[in-house]
Amino acid sequence: MKRTYQPNKSRRAKKHGFLSRSKTSKGKKTIARRRLKGRHKLTVSDEK
C-alpha cells in the first residue's frame, strides 16, 4: 500500500515556503505568530 506522505522538496517549498506564506494575509499572520513565539525556523524555506 502506498503511504500518504511522499516527500518532495519542491512541492513542500511551494506549499509551505516563505514566499507562499507571505502572499496571503493568513500566511503573514502565521509568520508573525512564529516570530513572536521565537521560532528558529519560520517556514520550511529556512531548513537547510
PDB file of N, CA and C in Angstrom:
ATOM      1  N   MET A   1       0.837  -1.194   0.000  1.00  0.00           N
ATOM      2  CA  MET A   1       0.000   0.000   0.000  1.00  0.00           C
ATOM      3  C   MET A   1       0.882   1.258   0.000  1.00  0.00           C
ATOM      4  N   LYS A   2       0.510   2.213  -0.820  1.00  0.00           N
ATOM      5  CA  LYS A   2       1.265   3.465  -0.892  1.00  0.00           C
ATOM      6  C   LYS A   2       0.871   4.355   0.284  1.00  0.00           C
ATOM      7  N   ARG A   3       1.859   4.939   0.922  1.00  0.00           N
ATOM      8  CA  ARG A   3       1.618   5.806   2.081  1.00  0.00           C
ATOM      9  C   ARG A   3       1.246   7.229   1.642  1.00  0.00           C
ATOM     10  N   THR A   4       0.618   7.969   2.546  1.00  0.00           N
ATOM     11  CA  THR A   4       0.113   9.297   2.196  1.00  0.00           C
ATOM     12  C   THR A   4       1.230  10.330   2.019  1.00  0.00           C
ATOM     13  N   TYR A   5       2.308  10.213   2.792  1.00  0.00           N
ATOM     14  CA  TYR A   5       3.381  11.202   2.705  1.00  0.00           C
ATOM     15  C   TYR A   5       4.484  10.732   1.781  1.00  0.00           C
ATOM     16  N   GLN A   6       4.547  11.332   0.598  1.00  0.00           N
ATOM     17  CA  GLN A   6       5.596  11.041  -0.374  1.00  0.00           C
ATOM     18  C   GLN A   6       6.470  12.295  -0.493  1.00  0.00           C
ATOM     19  N   PRO A   7       7.572  12.385   0.259  1.00  0.00           N
ATOM     20  CA  PRO A   7       8.365  13.607   0.320  1.00  0.00           C
ATOM     21  C   PRO A   7       8.807  14.138  -1.051  1.00  0.00           C
ATOM     22  N   ASN A   8       8.706  15.446  -1.201  1.00  0.00           N
ATOM     23  CA  ASN A   8       9.126  16.121  -2.424  1.00  0.00           C
ATOM     24  C   ASN A   8       9.490  17.555  -2.057  1.00  0.00           C
ATOM     25  N   LYS A   9      10.762  17.893  -2.173  1.00  0.00           N
ATOM     26  CA  LYS A   9      11.257  19.204  -1.718  1.00  0.00           C
ATOM     27  C   LYS A   9      10.604  20.388  -2.411  1.00  0.00           C
ATOM     28  N   SER A  10      10.436  20.285  -3.740  1.00  0.00           N
ATOM     29  CA  SER A  10       9.883  21.424  -4.479  1.00  0.00           C
ATOM     30  C   SER A  10       8.411  21.645  -4.133  1.00  0.00           C
ATOM     31  N   ARG A  11       7.649  20.574  -4.013  1.00  0.00           N
ATOM     32  CA  ARG A  11       6.227  20.698  -3.672  1.00  0.00           C
ATOM     33  C   ARG A  11       6.056  21.272  -2.261  1.00  0.00           C
ATOM     34  N   ARG A  12       6.926  20.787  -1.362  1.00  0.00           N
ATOM     35  CA  ARG A  12       6.891  21.252   0.035  1.00  0.00           C
ATOM     36  C   ARG A  12       7.174  22.756   0.110  1.00  0.00           C
ATOM     37  N   ALA A  13       8.186  23.199  -0.632  1.00  0.00           N
ATOM     38  CA  ALA A  13       8.566  24.616  -0.634  1.00  0.00           C
ATOM     39  C   ALA A  13       7.462  25.479  -1.252  1.00  0.00           C
ATOM     40  N   LYS A  14       6.842  24.983  -2.319  1.00  0.00           N
ATOM     41  CA  LYS A  14       5.785  25.743  -2.988  1.00  0.00           C
ATOM     42  C   LYS A  14       4.560  25.934  -2.099  1.00  0.00           C
ATOM     43  N   LYS A  15       4.222  24.907  -1.331  1.00  0.00           N
ATOM     44  CA  LYS A  15       3.027  24.979  -0.489  1.00  0.00           C
ATOM     45  C   LYS A  15       3.271  25.702   0.831  1.00  0.00           C
ATOM     46  N   HIS A  16       4.445  25.433   1.450  1.00  0.00           N
ATOM     47  CA  HIS A  16       4.696  25.943   2.796  1.00  0.00           C
ATOM     48  C   HIS A  16       5.893  26.868   2.903  1.00  0.00           C
ATOM     49  N   GLY A  17       6.426  27.300   1.770  1.00  0.00           N
ATOM     50  CA  GLY A  17       7.614  28.151   1.767  1.00  0.00           C
ATOM     51  C   GLY A  17       7.321  29.581   2.211  1.00  0.00           C
ATOM     52  N   PHE A  18       8.378  30.353   2.381  1.00  0.00           N
ATOM     53  CA  PHE A  18       8.238  31.724   2.874  1.00  0.00           C
ATOM     54  C   PHE A  18       7.450  32.597   1.910  1.00  0.00           C
ATOM     55  N   LEU A  19       7.728  32.486   0.619  1.00  0.00           N
ATOM     56  CA  LEU A  19       7.054  33.337  -0.365  1.00  0.00           C
ATOM     57  C   LEU A  19       5.566  33.031  -0.448  1.00  0.00           C
ATOM     58  N   SER A  20       5.212  31.747  -0.417  1.00  0.00           N
ATOM     59  CA  SER A  20       3.797  31.370  -0.483  1.00  0.00           C
ATOM     60  C   SER A  20       3.056  31.796   0.782  1.00  0.00           C
ATOM     61  N   ARG A  21       3.758  31.801   1.924  1.00  0.00           N
ATOM     62  CA  ARG A  21       3.147  32.275   3.174  1.00  0.00           C
ATOM     63  C   ARG A  21       2.934  33.797   3.114  1.00  0.00           C
ATOM     64  N   SER A  22       3.930  34.495   2.549  1.00  0.00           N
ATOM     65  CA  SER A  22       3.875  35.955   2.502  1.00  0.00           C
ATOM     66  C   SER A  22       2.783  36.472   1.576  1.00  0.00           C
ATOM     67  N   LYS A  23       2.357  35.657   0.629  1.00  0.00           N
ATOM     68  CA  LYS A  23       1.362  36.093  -0.350  1.00  0.00           C
ATOM     69  C   LYS A  23      -0.027  36.284   0.246  1.00  0.00           C
ATOM     70  N   THR A  24      -0.389  35.492   1.255  1.00  0.00           N
ATOM     71  CA  THR A  24      -1.738  35.572   1.828  1.00  0.00           C
ATOM     72  C   THR A  24      -1.715  36.270   3.179  1.00  0.00           C
ATOM     73  N   SER A  25      -2.866  36.831   3.558  1.00  0.00           N
ATOM     74  CA  SER A  25      -2.960  37.522   4.846  1.00  0.00           C
ATOM     75  C   SER A  25      -2.816  36.540   5.999  1.00  0.00           C
ATOM     76  N   LYS A  26      -3.425  35.366   5.868  1.00  0.00           N
ATOM     77  CA  LYS A  26      -3.316  34.344   6.916  1.00  0.00           C
ATOM     78  C   LYS A  26      -1.873  33.860   7.045  1.00  0.00           C
ATOM     79  N   GLY A  27      -1.204  33.755   5.897  1.00  0.00           N
ATOM     80  CA  GLY A  27       0.182  33.319   5.895  1.00  0.00           C
ATOM     81  C   GLY A  27       1.094  34.313   6.600  1.00  0.00           C
ATOM     82  N   LYS A  28       0.825  35.602   6.370  1.00  0.00           N
ATOM     83  CA  LYS A  28       1.596  36.661   7.045  1.00  0.00           C
ATOM     84  C   LYS A  28       1.387  36.567   8.550  1.00  0.00           C
ATOM     85  N   LYS A  29       0.138  36.289   8.959  1.00  0.00           N
ATOM     86  CA  LYS A  29      -0.166  36.135  10.389  1.00  0.00           C
ATOM     87  C   LYS A  29       0.578  34.946  10.974  1.00  0.00           C
ATOM     88  N   THR A  30       0.658  33.873  10.186  1.00  0.00           N
ATOM     89  CA  THR A  30       1.383  32.678  10.621  1.00  0.00           C
ATOM     90  C   THR A  30       2.848  33.005  10.896  1.00  0.00           C
ATOM     91  N   ILE A  31       3.477  33.721   9.955  1.00  0.00           N
ATOM     92  CA  ILE A  31       4.883  34.103  10.111  1.00  0.00           C
ATOM     93  C   ILE A  31       5.056  34.999  11.332  1.00  0.00           C
ATOM     94  N   ALA A  32       4.144  35.956  11.496  1.00  0.00           N
ATOM     95  CA  ALA A  32       4.203  36.879  12.644  1.00  0.00           C
ATOM     96  C   ALA A  32       4.086  36.118  13.959  1.00  0.00           C
ATOM     97  N   ARG A  33       3.160  35.142  14.004  1.00  0.00           N
ATOM     98  CA  ARG A  33       2.966  34.325  15.205  1.00  0.00           C
ATOM     99  C   ARG A  33       4.229  33.553  15.547  1.00  0.00           C
ATOM    100  N   ARG A  34       4.849  32.982  14.532  1.00  0.00           N
ATOM    101  CA  ARG A  34       6.060  32.194  14.749  1.00  0.00           C
ATOM    102  C   ARG A  34       7.224  33.089  15.175  1.00  0.00           C
ATOM    103  N   ARG A  35       7.245  34.342  14.667  1.00  0.00           N
ATOM    104  CA  ARG A  35       8.272  35.308  15.096  1.00  0.00           C
ATOM    105  C   ARG A  35       8.089  35.630  16.580  1.00  0.00           C
ATOM    106  N   LEU A  36       6.834  35.879  16.981  1.00  0.00           N
ATOM    107  CA  LEU A  36       6.528  36.200  18.376  1.00  0.00           C
ATOM    108  C   LEU A  36       6.922  35.054  19.297  1.00  0.00           C
ATOM    109  N   LYS A  37       6.653  33.851  18.849  1.00  0.00           N
ATOM    110  CA  LYS A  37       6.959  32.673  19.656  1.00  0.00           C
ATOM    111  C   LYS A  37       8.462  32.441  19.764  1.00  0.00           C
ATOM    112  N   GLY A  38       9.212  33.018  18.787  1.00  0.00           N
ATOM    113  CA  GLY A  38      10.665  32.888  18.806  1.00  0.00           C
ATOM    114  C   GLY A  38      11.152  31.645  18.095  1.00  0.00           C
ATOM    115  N   ARG A  39      10.400  31.209  17.103  1.00  0.00           N
ATOM    116  CA  ARG A  39      10.788  30.023  16.337  1.00  0.00           C
ATOM    117  C   ARG A  39      12.070  30.284  15.566  1.00  0.00           C
ATOM    118  N   HIS A  40      12.946  29.283  15.569  1.00  0.00           N
ATOM    119  CA  HIS A  40      14.188  29.404  14.801  1.00  0.00           C
ATOM    120  C   HIS A  40      13.906  29.284  13.319  1.00  0.00           C
ATOM    121  N   LYS A  41      12.971  28.397  12.961  1.00  0.00           N
ATOM    122  CA  LYS A  41      12.564  28.225  11.572  1.00  0.00           C
ATOM    123  C   LYS A  41      11.143  28.762  11.403  1.00  0.00           C
ATOM    124  N   LEU A  42      10.985  29.813  10.609  1.00  0.00           N
ATOM    125  CA  LEU A  42       9.658  30.385  10.399  1.00  0.00           C
ATOM    126  C   LEU A  42       8.845  29.553   9.407  1.00  0.00           C
ATOM    127  N   THR A  43       9.512  29.116   8.350  1.00  0.00           N
ATOM    128  CA  THR A  43       8.854  28.304   7.324  1.00  0.00           C
ATOM    129  C   THR A  43       9.787  27.172   6.902  1.00  0.00           C
ATOM    130  N   VAL A  44       9.312  26.294   6.038  1.00  0.00           N
ATOM    131  CA  VAL A  44      10.153  25.189   5.571  1.00  0.00           C
ATOM    132  C   VAL A  44      11.317  25.693   4.717  1.00  0.00           C
ATOM    133  N   SER A  45      11.223  26.952   4.243  1.00  0.00           N
ATOM    134  CA  SER A  45      12.320  27.528   3.445  1.00  0.00           C
ATOM    135  C   SER A  45      13.580  27.726   4.287  1.00  0.00           C
ATOM    136  N   ASP A  46      13.406  27.808   5.604  1.00  0.00           N
ATOM    137  CA  ASP A  46      14.541  28.034   6.490  1.00  0.00           C
ATOM    138  C   ASP A  46      15.321  26.751   6.788  1.00  0.00           C
ATOM    139  N   GLU A  47      14.796  25.610   6.339  1.00  0.00           N
ATOM    140  CA  GLU A  47      15.502  24.351   6.546  1.00  0.00           C
ATOM    141  C   GLU A  47      16.647  24.241   5.553  1.00  0.00           C
ATOM    142  N   LYS A  48      17.798  23.817   6.046  1.00  0.00           N
ATOM    143  CA  LYS A  48      18.944  23.690   5.133  1.00  0.00           C
ATOM    144  C   LYS A  48      19.609  22.339   5.314  1.00  0.00           C
TER     145      LYS A  48
END
